[in-house]
Each structure stands twice: as C-alpha cells, then as structure tokens.
Amino acid sequence: FVHELGHYLAARLLGLVVDVFSIGF
C-alpha cells in the first residue's frame, strides 16, 4: 500500500492521469 501510494501521489501531483488504484489482485 505504501509503495503504490508513492506512485499514486507522485502521479497526481505531477498531473498524470490515474485510472485505477488497487491493493491486491
């Protein structure tokens, strides 16, 4: 969760499009 949160927050902060945030498969 912490790892994916890092990707997610950086992407949002830099204006990238985020489609899905998922924990687990």
mmCIF file of all heavy atoms, coordinates in Angstrom:
data_MODEL
# 
_entry.id   MODEL 
# 
loop_
_atom_site.group_PDB 
_atom_site.id 
_atom_site.type_symbol 
_atom_site.label_atom_id 
_atom_site.label_alt_id 
_atom_site.label_comp_id 
_atom_site.label_asym_id 
_atom_site.label_entity_id 
_atom_site.label_seq_id 
_atom_site.pdbx_PDB_ins_code 
_atom_site.Cartn_x 
_atom_site.Cartn_y 
_atom_site.Cartn_z 
_atom_site.occupancy 
_atom_site.B_iso_or_equiv 
_atom_site.pdbx_formal_charge 
_atom_site.auth_seq_id 
_atom_site.auth_comp_id 
_atom_site.auth_asym_id 
_atom_site.auth_atom_id 
_atom_site.pdbx_PDB_model_num 
ATOM 1   N N   . PHE A 1 1  ? 0.832  -1.205  0.000   1.00 0.00 ? 1  PHE A N   1 
ATOM 2   C CA  . PHE A 1 1  ? 0.000  0.000   0.000   1.00 0.00 ? 1  PHE A CA  1 
ATOM 3   C C   . PHE A 1 1  ? 0.865  1.253   0.000   1.00 0.00 ? 1  PHE A C   1 
ATOM 4   O O   . PHE A 1 1  ? 0.633  2.188   -0.777  1.00 0.00 ? 1  PHE A O   1 
ATOM 5   C CB  . PHE A 1 1  ? -0.941 0.004   1.209   1.00 0.00 ? 1  PHE A CB  1 
ATOM 6   C CG  . PHE A 1 1  ? -1.697 1.290   1.353   1.00 0.00 ? 1  PHE A CG  1 
ATOM 7   C CD1 . PHE A 1 1  ? -2.763 1.573   0.528   1.00 0.00 ? 1  PHE A CD1 1 
ATOM 8   C CD2 . PHE A 1 1  ? -1.315 2.217   2.303   1.00 0.00 ? 1  PHE A CD2 1 
ATOM 9   C CE1 . PHE A 1 1  ? -3.454 2.779   0.650   1.00 0.00 ? 1  PHE A CE1 1 
ATOM 10  C CE2 . PHE A 1 1  ? -1.995 3.420   2.443   1.00 0.00 ? 1  PHE A CE2 1 
ATOM 11  C CZ  . PHE A 1 1  ? -3.063 3.693   1.600   1.00 0.00 ? 1  PHE A CZ  1 
ATOM 12  N N   . VAL A 1 2  ? 1.887  1.292   0.852   1.00 0.00 ? 2  VAL A N   1 
ATOM 13  C CA  . VAL A 1 2  ? 2.773  2.457   0.936   1.00 0.00 ? 2  VAL A CA  1 
ATOM 14  C C   . VAL A 1 2  ? 3.501  2.658   -0.401  1.00 0.00 ? 2  VAL A C   1 
ATOM 15  O O   . VAL A 1 2  ? 3.610  3.788   -0.891  1.00 0.00 ? 2  VAL A O   1 
ATOM 16  C CB  . VAL A 1 2  ? 3.783  2.287   2.100   1.00 0.00 ? 2  VAL A CB  1 
ATOM 17  C CG1 . VAL A 1 2  ? 4.872  3.332   2.043   1.00 0.00 ? 2  VAL A CG1 1 
ATOM 18  C CG2 . VAL A 1 2  ? 3.050  2.349   3.434   1.00 0.00 ? 2  VAL A CG2 1 
ATOM 19  N N   . HIS A 1 3  ? 3.961  1.580   -1.000  1.00 0.00 ? 3  HIS A N   1 
ATOM 20  C CA  . HIS A 1 3  ? 4.660  1.653   -2.278  1.00 0.00 ? 3  HIS A CA  1 
ATOM 21  C C   . HIS A 1 3  ? 3.756  2.226   -3.373  1.00 0.00 ? 3  HIS A C   1 
ATOM 22  O O   . HIS A 1 3  ? 4.116  3.171   -4.074  1.00 0.00 ? 3  HIS A O   1 
ATOM 23  C CB  . HIS A 1 3  ? 5.153  0.250   -2.666  1.00 0.00 ? 3  HIS A CB  1 
ATOM 24  C CG  . HIS A 1 3  ? 5.880  0.202   -3.956  1.00 0.00 ? 3  HIS A CG  1 
ATOM 25  N ND1 . HIS A 1 3  ? 7.237  0.389   -4.048  1.00 0.00 ? 3  HIS A ND1 1 
ATOM 26  C CD2 . HIS A 1 3  ? 5.440  0.007   -5.223  1.00 0.00 ? 3  HIS A CD2 1 
ATOM 27  C CE1 . HIS A 1 3  ? 7.605  0.303   -5.325  1.00 0.00 ? 3  HIS A CE1 1 
ATOM 28  N NE2 . HIS A 1 3  ? 6.527  0.064   -6.057  1.00 0.00 ? 3  HIS A NE2 1 
ATOM 29  N N   . GLU A 1 4  ? 2.569  1.663   -3.506  1.00 0.00 ? 4  GLU A N   1 
ATOM 30  C CA  . GLU A 1 4  ? 1.633  2.126   -4.536  1.00 0.00 ? 4  GLU A CA  1 
ATOM 31  C C   . GLU A 1 4  ? 1.140  3.542   -4.252  1.00 0.00 ? 4  GLU A C   1 
ATOM 32  O O   . GLU A 1 4  ? 0.887  4.308   -5.179  1.00 0.00 ? 4  GLU A O   1 
ATOM 33  C CB  . GLU A 1 4  ? 0.454  1.153   -4.668  1.00 0.00 ? 4  GLU A CB  1 
ATOM 34  C CG  . GLU A 1 4  ? 0.847  -0.239  -5.116  1.00 0.00 ? 4  GLU A CG  1 
ATOM 35  C CD  . GLU A 1 4  ? 1.640  -0.277  -6.417  1.00 0.00 ? 4  GLU A CD  1 
ATOM 36  O OE1 . GLU A 1 4  ? 1.466  0.604   -7.286  1.00 0.00 ? 4  GLU A OE1 1 
ATOM 37  O OE2 . GLU A 1 4  ? 2.453  -1.205  -6.565  1.00 0.00 ? 4  GLU A OE2 1 
ATOM 38  N N   . LEU A 1 5  ? 1.013  3.889   -2.975  1.00 0.00 ? 5  LEU A N   1 
ATOM 39  C CA  . LEU A 1 5  ? 0.623  5.250   -2.612  1.00 0.00 ? 5  LEU A CA  1 
ATOM 40  C C   . LEU A 1 5  ? 1.669  6.248   -3.099  1.00 0.00 ? 5  LEU A C   1 
ATOM 41  O O   . LEU A 1 5  ? 1.332  7.346   -3.547  1.00 0.00 ? 5  LEU A O   1 
ATOM 42  C CB  . LEU A 1 5  ? 0.437  5.360   -1.098  1.00 0.00 ? 5  LEU A CB  1 
ATOM 43  C CG  . LEU A 1 5  ? -0.076 6.696   -0.582  1.00 0.00 ? 5  LEU A CG  1 
ATOM 44  C CD1 . LEU A 1 5  ? -1.479 6.986   -1.091  1.00 0.00 ? 5  LEU A CD1 1 
ATOM 45  C CD2 . LEU A 1 5  ? -0.041 6.713   0.948   1.00 0.00 ? 5  LEU A CD2 1 
ATOM 46  N N   . GLY A 1 6  ? 2.940  5.876   -3.042  1.00 0.00 ? 6  GLY A N   1 
ATOM 47  C CA  . GLY A 1 6  ? 4.001  6.740   -3.554  1.00 0.00 ? 6  GLY A CA  1 
ATOM 48  C C   . GLY A 1 6  ? 3.827  7.013   -5.037  1.00 0.00 ? 6  GLY A C   1 
ATOM 49  O O   . GLY A 1 6  ? 3.900  8.167   -5.479  1.00 0.00 ? 6  GLY A O   1 
ATOM 50  N N   . HIS A 1 7  ? 3.587  5.963   -5.822  1.00 0.00 ? 7  HIS A N   1 
ATOM 51  C CA  . HIS A 1 7  ? 3.342  6.149   -7.257  1.00 0.00 ? 7  HIS A CA  1 
ATOM 52  C C   . HIS A 1 7  ? 2.114  7.028   -7.486  1.00 0.00 ? 7  HIS A C   1 
ATOM 53  O O   . HIS A 1 7  ? 2.136  7.949   -8.302  1.00 0.00 ? 7  HIS A O   1 
ATOM 54  C CB  . HIS A 1 7  ? 3.119  4.810   -7.953  1.00 0.00 ? 7  HIS A CB  1 
ATOM 55  C CG  . HIS A 1 7  ? 4.304  3.922   -8.007  1.00 0.00 ? 7  HIS A CG  1 
ATOM 56  N ND1 . HIS A 1 7  ? 5.529  4.313   -8.494  1.00 0.00 ? 7  HIS A ND1 1 
ATOM 57  C CD2 . HIS A 1 7  ? 4.456  2.625   -7.635  1.00 0.00 ? 7  HIS A CD2 1 
ATOM 58  C CE1 . HIS A 1 7  ? 6.374  3.298   -8.427  1.00 0.00 ? 7  HIS A CE1 1 
ATOM 59  N NE2 . HIS A 1 7  ? 5.751  2.256   -7.910  1.00 0.00 ? 7  HIS A NE2 1 
ATOM 60  N N   . TYR A 1 8  ? 1.046  6.720   -6.767  1.00 0.00 ? 8  TYR A N   1 
ATOM 61  C CA  . TYR A 1 8  ? -0.223 7.431   -6.939  1.00 0.00 ? 8  TYR A CA  1 
ATOM 62  C C   . TYR A 1 8  ? -0.083 8.927   -6.627  1.00 0.00 ? 8  TYR A C   1 
ATOM 63  O O   . TYR A 1 8  ? -0.495 9.775   -7.423  1.00 0.00 ? 8  TYR A O   1 
ATOM 64  C CB  . TYR A 1 8  ? -1.284 6.797   -6.038  1.00 0.00 ? 8  TYR A CB  1 
ATOM 65  C CG  . TYR A 1 8  ? -2.583 7.564   -5.974  1.00 0.00 ? 8  TYR A CG  1 
ATOM 66  C CD1 . TYR A 1 8  ? -3.518 7.448   -6.984  1.00 0.00 ? 8  TYR A CD1 1 
ATOM 67  C CD2 . TYR A 1 8  ? -2.865 8.398   -4.902  1.00 0.00 ? 8  TYR A CD2 1 
ATOM 68  C CE1 . TYR A 1 8  ? -4.707 8.155   -6.937  1.00 0.00 ? 8  TYR A CE1 1 
ATOM 69  C CE2 . TYR A 1 8  ? -4.054 9.103   -4.847  1.00 0.00 ? 8  TYR A CE2 1 
ATOM 70  C CZ  . TYR A 1 8  ? -4.966 8.986   -5.862  1.00 0.00 ? 8  TYR A CZ  1 
ATOM 71  O OH  . TYR A 1 8  ? -6.133 9.688   -5.814  1.00 0.00 ? 8  TYR A OH  1 
ATOM 72  N N   . LEU A 1 9  ? 0.497  9.256   -5.477  1.00 0.00 ? 9  LEU A N   1 
ATOM 73  C CA  . LEU A 1 9  ? 0.617  10.661  -5.080  1.00 0.00 ? 9  LEU A CA  1 
ATOM 74  C C   . LEU A 1 9  ? 1.535  11.437  -6.019  1.00 0.00 ? 9  LEU A C   1 
ATOM 75  O O   . LEU A 1 9  ? 1.232  12.583  -6.373  1.00 0.00 ? 9  LEU A O   1 
ATOM 76  C CB  . LEU A 1 9  ? 1.109  10.762  -3.633  1.00 0.00 ? 9  LEU A CB  1 
ATOM 77  C CG  . LEU A 1 9  ? 0.121  10.291  -2.571  1.00 0.00 ? 9  LEU A CG  1 
ATOM 78  C CD1 . LEU A 1 9  ? 0.762  10.348  -1.188  1.00 0.00 ? 9  LEU A CD1 1 
ATOM 79  C CD2 . LEU A 1 9  ? -1.157 11.114  -2.600  1.00 0.00 ? 9  LEU A CD2 1 
ATOM 80  N N   . ALA A 1 10 ? 2.635  10.820  -6.446  1.00 0.00 ? 10 ALA A N   1 
ATOM 81  C CA  . ALA A 1 10 ? 3.531  11.492  -7.388  1.00 0.00 ? 10 ALA A CA  1 
ATOM 82  C C   . ALA A 1 10 ? 2.822  11.743  -8.718  1.00 0.00 ? 10 ALA A C   1 
ATOM 83  O O   . ALA A 1 10 ? 2.940  12.828  -9.295  1.00 0.00 ? 10 ALA A O   1 
ATOM 84  C CB  . ALA A 1 10 ? 4.795  10.659  -7.598  1.00 0.00 ? 10 ALA A CB  1 
ATOM 85  N N   . ALA A 1 11 ? 2.089  10.750  -9.203  1.00 0.00 ? 11 ALA A N   1 
ATOM 86  C CA  . ALA A 1 11 ? 1.368  10.899  -10.470 1.00 0.00 ? 11 ALA A CA  1 
ATOM 87  C C   . ALA A 1 11 ? 0.317  12.008  -10.377 1.00 0.00 ? 11 ALA A C   1 
ATOM 88  O O   . ALA A 1 11 ? 0.210  12.843  -11.284 1.00 0.00 ? 11 ALA A O   1 
ATOM 89  C CB  . ALA A 1 11 ? 0.715  9.578   -10.867 1.00 0.00 ? 11 ALA A CB  1 
ATOM 90  N N   . ARG A 1 12 ? -0.427 12.023  -9.291  1.00 0.00 ? 12 ARG A N   1 
ATOM 91  C CA  . ARG A 1 12 ? -1.453 13.071  -9.126  1.00 0.00 ? 12 ARG A CA  1 
ATOM 92  C C   . ARG A 1 12 ? -0.811 14.453  -9.006  1.00 0.00 ? 12 ARG A C   1 
ATOM 93  O O   . ARG A 1 12 ? -1.284 15.424  -9.586  1.00 0.00 ? 12 ARG A O   1 
ATOM 94  C CB  . ARG A 1 12 ? -2.315 12.793  -7.894  1.00 0.00 ? 12 ARG A CB  1 
ATOM 95  C CG  . ARG A 1 12 ? -3.213 11.569  -7.971  1.00 0.00 ? 12 ARG A CG  1 
ATOM 96  C CD  . ARG A 1 12 ? -4.311 11.702  -9.017  1.00 0.00 ? 12 ARG A CD  1 
ATOM 97  N NE  . ARG A 1 12 ? -5.129 12.868  -8.842  1.00 0.00 ? 12 ARG A NE  1 
ATOM 98  C CZ  . ARG A 1 12 ? -6.331 12.910  -8.284  1.00 0.00 ? 12 ARG A CZ  1 
ATOM 99  N NH1 . ARG A 1 12 ? -6.865 11.809  -7.846  1.00 0.00 ? 12 ARG A NH1 1 
ATOM 100 N NH2 . ARG A 1 12 ? -6.991 14.032  -8.178  1.00 0.00 ? 12 ARG A NH2 1 
ATOM 101 N N   . LEU A 1 13 ? 0.270  14.543  -8.243  1.00 0.00 ? 13 LEU A N   1 
ATOM 102 C CA  . LEU A 1 13 ? 0.960  15.814  -8.039  1.00 0.00 ? 13 LEU A CA  1 
ATOM 103 C C   . LEU A 1 13 ? 1.523  16.364  -9.351  1.00 0.00 ? 13 LEU A C   1 
ATOM 104 O O   . LEU A 1 13 ? 1.493  17.572  -9.583  1.00 0.00 ? 13 LEU A O   1 
ATOM 105 C CB  . LEU A 1 13 ? 2.093  15.631  -7.026  1.00 0.00 ? 13 LEU A CB  1 
ATOM 106 C CG  . LEU A 1 13 ? 2.900  16.874  -6.667  1.00 0.00 ? 13 LEU A CG  1 
ATOM 107 C CD1 . LEU A 1 13 ? 2.033  17.842  -5.872  1.00 0.00 ? 13 LEU A CD1 1 
ATOM 108 C CD2 . LEU A 1 13 ? 4.124  16.505  -5.861  1.00 0.00 ? 13 LEU A CD2 1 
ATOM 109 N N   . LEU A 1 14 ? 1.992  15.481  -10.227 1.00 0.00 ? 14 LEU A N   1 
ATOM 110 C CA  . LEU A 1 14 ? 2.594  15.905  -11.487 1.00 0.00 ? 14 LEU A CA  1 
ATOM 111 C C   . LEU A 1 14 ? 1.603  15.971  -12.646 1.00 0.00 ? 14 LEU A C   1 
ATOM 112 O O   . LEU A 1 14 ? 1.988  16.221  -13.784 1.00 0.00 ? 14 LEU A O   1 
ATOM 113 C CB  . LEU A 1 14 ? 3.754  14.968  -11.845 1.00 0.00 ? 14 LEU A CB  1 
ATOM 114 C CG  . LEU A 1 14 ? 4.923  15.015  -10.851 1.00 0.00 ? 14 LEU A CG  1 
ATOM 115 C CD1 . LEU A 1 14 ? 5.947  13.946  -11.175 1.00 0.00 ? 14 LEU A CD1 1 
ATOM 116 C CD2 . LEU A 1 14 ? 5.558  16.392  -10.832 1.00 0.00 ? 14 LEU A CD2 1 
ATOM 117 N N   . GLY A 1 15 ? 0.323  15.737  -12.369 1.00 0.00 ? 15 GLY A N   1 
ATOM 118 C CA  . GLY A 1 15 ? -0.714 15.911  -13.380 1.00 0.00 ? 15 GLY A CA  1 
ATOM 119 C C   . GLY A 1 15 ? -0.931 14.759  -14.331 1.00 0.00 ? 15 GLY A C   1 
ATOM 120 O O   . GLY A 1 15 ? -1.529 14.940  -15.390 1.00 0.00 ? 15 GLY A O   1 
ATOM 121 N N   . LEU A 1 16 ? -0.478 13.569  -13.983 1.00 0.00 ? 16 LEU A N   1 
ATOM 122 C CA  . LEU A 1 16 ? -0.714 12.408  -14.829 1.00 0.00 ? 16 LEU A CA  1 
ATOM 123 C C   . LEU A 1 16 ? -2.126 11.876  -14.607 1.00 0.00 ? 16 LEU A C   1 
ATOM 124 O O   . LEU A 1 16 ? -2.713 12.073  -13.546 1.00 0.00 ? 16 LEU A O   1 
ATOM 125 C CB  . LEU A 1 16 ? 0.291  11.289  -14.528 1.00 0.00 ? 16 LEU A CB  1 
ATOM 126 C CG  . LEU A 1 16 ? 1.649  11.384  -15.214 1.00 0.00 ? 16 LEU A CG  1 
ATOM 127 C CD1 . LEU A 1 16 ? 2.467  12.513  -14.661 1.00 0.00 ? 16 LEU A CD1 1 
ATOM 128 C CD2 . LEU A 1 16 ? 2.384  10.077  -15.090 1.00 0.00 ? 16 LEU A CD2 1 
ATOM 129 N N   . VAL A 1 17 ? -2.644 11.174  -15.597 1.00 0.00 ? 17 VAL A N   1 
ATOM 130 C CA  . VAL A 1 17 ? -3.953 10.553  -15.500 1.00 0.00 ? 17 VAL A CA  1 
ATOM 131 C C   . VAL A 1 17 ? -3.811 9.239   -14.746 1.00 0.00 ? 17 VAL A C   1 
ATOM 132 O O   . VAL A 1 17 ? -2.948 8.421   -15.061 1.00 0.00 ? 17 VAL A O   1 
ATOM 133 C CB  . VAL A 1 17 ? -4.551 10.298  -16.903 1.00 0.00 ? 17 VAL A CB  1 
ATOM 134 C CG1 . VAL A 1 17 ? -5.849 9.526   -16.813 1.00 0.00 ? 17 VAL A CG1 1 
ATOM 135 C CG2 . VAL A 1 17 ? -4.747 11.611  -17.641 1.00 0.00 ? 17 VAL A CG2 1 
ATOM 136 N N   . VAL A 1 18 ? -4.660 9.041   -13.739 1.00 0.00 ? 18 VAL A N   1 
ATOM 137 C CA  . VAL A 1 18 ? -4.681 7.793   -12.972 1.00 0.00 ? 18 VAL A CA  1 
ATOM 138 C C   . VAL A 1 18 ? -6.029 7.129   -13.235 1.00 0.00 ? 18 VAL A C   1 
ATOM 139 O O   . VAL A 1 18 ? -7.067 7.743   -13.032 1.00 0.00 ? 18 VAL A O   1 
ATOM 140 C CB  . VAL A 1 18 ? -4.498 8.043   -11.457 1.00 0.00 ? 18 VAL A CB  1 
ATOM 141 C CG1 . VAL A 1 18 ? -4.591 6.744   -10.683 1.00 0.00 ? 18 VAL A CG1 1 
ATOM 142 C CG2 . VAL A 1 18 ? -3.184 8.747   -11.180 1.00 0.00 ? 18 VAL A CG2 1 
ATOM 143 N N   . ASP A 1 19 ? -6.010 5.883   -13.703 1.00 0.00 ? 19 ASP A N   1 
ATOM 144 C CA  . ASP A 1 19 ? -7.257 5.151   -13.956 1.00 0.00 ? 19 ASP A CA  1 
ATOM 145 C C   . ASP A 1 19 ? -7.674 4.301   -12.759 1.00 0.00 ? 19 ASP A C   1 
ATOM 146 O O   . ASP A 1 19 ? -8.842 4.274   -12.392 1.00 0.00 ? 19 ASP A O   1 
ATOM 147 C CB  . ASP A 1 19 ? -7.123 4.247   -15.182 1.00 0.00 ? 19 ASP A CB  1 
ATOM 148 C CG  . ASP A 1 19 ? -7.153 5.024   -16.488 1.00 0.00 ? 19 ASP A CG  1 
ATOM 149 O OD1 . ASP A 1 19 ? -7.594 6.198   -16.487 1.00 0.00 ? 19 ASP A OD1 1 
ATOM 150 O OD2 . ASP A 1 19 ? -6.736 4.462   -17.516 1.00 0.00 ? 19 ASP A OD2 1 
ATOM 151 N N   . VAL A 1 20 ? -6.708 3.578   -12.156 1.00 0.00 ? 20 VAL A N   1 
ATOM 152 C CA  . VAL A 1 20 ? -7.037 2.633   -11.087 1.00 0.00 ? 20 VAL A CA  1 
ATOM 153 C C   . VAL A 1 20 ? -5.957 2.678   -10.008 1.00 0.00 ? 20 VAL A C   1 
ATOM 154 O O   . VAL A 1 20 ? -4.767 2.766   -10.307 1.00 0.00 ? 20 VAL A O   1 
ATOM 155 C CB  . VAL A 1 20 ? -7.119 1.177   -11.632 1.00 0.00 ? 20 VAL A CB  1 
ATOM 156 C CG1 . VAL A 1 20 ? -7.447 0.193   -10.518 1.00 0.00 ? 20 VAL A CG1 1 
ATOM 157 C CG2 . VAL A 1 20 ? -8.111 1.062   -12.763 1.00 0.00 ? 20 VAL A CG2 1 
ATOM 158 N N   . PHE A 1 21 ? -6.407 2.602   -8.748  1.00 0.00 ? 21 PHE A N   1 
ATOM 159 C CA  . PHE A 1 21 ? -5.517 2.390   -7.602  1.00 0.00 ? 21 PHE A CA  1 
ATOM 160 C C   . PHE A 1 21 ? -6.022 1.125   -6.931  1.00 0.00 ? 21 PHE A C   1 
ATOM 161 O O   . PHE A 1 21 ? -7.128 1.096   -6.403  1.00 0.00 ? 21 PHE A O   1 
ATOM 162 C CB  . PHE A 1 21 ? -5.580 3.572   -6.635  1.00 0.00 ? 21 PHE A CB  1 
ATOM 163 C CG  . PHE A 1 21 ? -4.683 3.401   -5.428  1.00 0.00 ? 21 PHE A CG  1 
ATOM 164 C CD1 . PHE A 1 21 ? -3.363 3.780   -5.474  1.00 0.00 ? 21 PHE A CD1 1 
ATOM 165 C CD2 . PHE A 1 21 ? -5.171 2.848   -4.258  1.00 0.00 ? 21 PHE A CD2 1 
ATOM 166 C CE1 . PHE A 1 21 ? -2.533 3.630   -4.369  1.00 0.00 ? 21 PHE A CE1 1 
ATOM 167 C CE2 . PHE A 1 21 ? -4.357 2.685   -3.152  1.00 0.00 ? 21 PHE A CE2 1 
ATOM 168 C CZ  . PHE A 1 21 ? -3.035 3.081   -3.207  1.00 0.00 ? 21 PHE A CZ  1 
ATOM 169 N N   . SER A 1 22 ? -5.215 0.055   -6.986  1.00 0.00 ? 22 SER A N   1 
ATOM 170 C CA  . SER A 1 22 ? -5.670 -1.240  -6.470  1.00 0.00 ? 22 SER A CA  1 
ATOM 171 C C   . SER A 1 22 ? -4.664 -1.828  -5.499  1.00 0.00 ? 22 SER A C   1 
ATOM 172 O O   . SER A 1 22 ? -3.464 -1.815  -5.747  1.00 0.00 ? 22 SER A O   1 
ATOM 173 C CB  . SER A 1 22 ? -5.868 -2.220  -7.627  1.00 0.00 ? 22 SER A CB  1 
ATOM 174 O OG  . SER A 1 22 ? -6.219 -3.496  -7.144  1.00 0.00 ? 22 SER A OG  1 
ATOM 175 N N   . ILE A 1 23 ? -5.174 -2.346  -4.405  1.00 0.00 ? 23 ILE A N   1 
ATOM 176 C CA  . ILE A 1 23 ? -4.386 -3.130  -3.476  1.00 0.00 ? 23 ILE A CA  1 
ATOM 177 C C   . ILE A 1 23 ? -4.921 -4.550  -3.562  1.00 0.00 ? 23 ILE A C   1 
ATOM 178 O O   . ILE A 1 23 ? -6.104 -4.791  -3.340  1.00 0.00 ? 23 ILE A O   1 
ATOM 179 C CB  . ILE A 1 23 ? -4.496 -2.595  -2.036  1.00 0.00 ? 23 ILE A CB  1 
ATOM 180 C CG1 . ILE A 1 23 ? -3.968 -1.172  -1.969  1.00 0.00 ? 23 ILE A CG1 1 
ATOM 181 C CG2 . ILE A 1 23 ? -3.766 -3.494  -1.059  1.00 0.00 ? 23 ILE A CG2 1 
ATOM 182 C CD1 . ILE A 1 23 ? -2.536 -0.988  -2.408  1.00 0.00 ? 23 ILE A CD1 1 
ATOM 183 N N   . GLY A 1 24 ? -4.063 -5.474  -3.924  1.00 0.00 ? 24 GLY A N   1 
ATOM 184 C CA  . GLY A 1 24 ? -4.481 -6.850  -4.124  1.00 0.00 ? 24 GLY A CA  1 
ATOM 185 C C   . GLY A 1 24 ? -4.829 -7.101  -5.581  1.00 0.00 ? 24 GLY A C   1 
ATOM 186 O O   . GLY A 1 24 ? -5.038 -6.166  -6.361  1.00 0.00 ? 24 GLY A O   1 
ATOM 187 N N   . PHE A 1 25 ? -4.847 -8.366  -5.943  1.00 0.00 ? 25 PHE A N   1 
ATOM 188 C CA  . PHE A 1 25 ? -5.172 -8.773  -7.304  1.00 0.00 ? 25 PHE A CA  1 
ATOM 189 C C   . PHE A 1 25 ? -6.438 -9.624  -7.287  1.00 0.00 ? 25 PHE A C   1 
ATOM 190 O O   . PHE A 1 25 ? -6.932 -10.009 -6.238  1.00 0.00 ? 25 PHE A O   1 
ATOM 191 C CB  . PHE A 1 25 ? -4.023 -9.576  -7.918  1.00 0.00 ? 25 PHE A CB  1 
ATOM 192 C CG  . PHE A 1 25 ? -2.788 -8.757  -8.161  1.00 0.00 ? 25 PHE A CG  1 
ATOM 193 C CD1 . PHE A 1 25 ? -1.610 -9.057  -7.507  1.00 0.00 ? 25 PHE A CD1 1 
ATOM 194 C CD2 . PHE A 1 25 ? -2.798 -7.695  -9.048  1.00 0.00 ? 25 PHE A CD2 1 
ATOM 195 C CE1 . PHE A 1 25 ? -0.461 -8.321  -7.735  1.00 0.00 ? 25 PHE A CE1 1 
ATOM 196 C CE2 . PHE A 1 25 ? -1.656 -6.950  -9.283  1.00 0.00 ? 25 PHE A CE2 1 
ATOM 197 C CZ  . PHE A 1 25 ? -0.491 -7.262  -8.624  1.00 0.00 ? 25 PHE A CZ  1 
# 
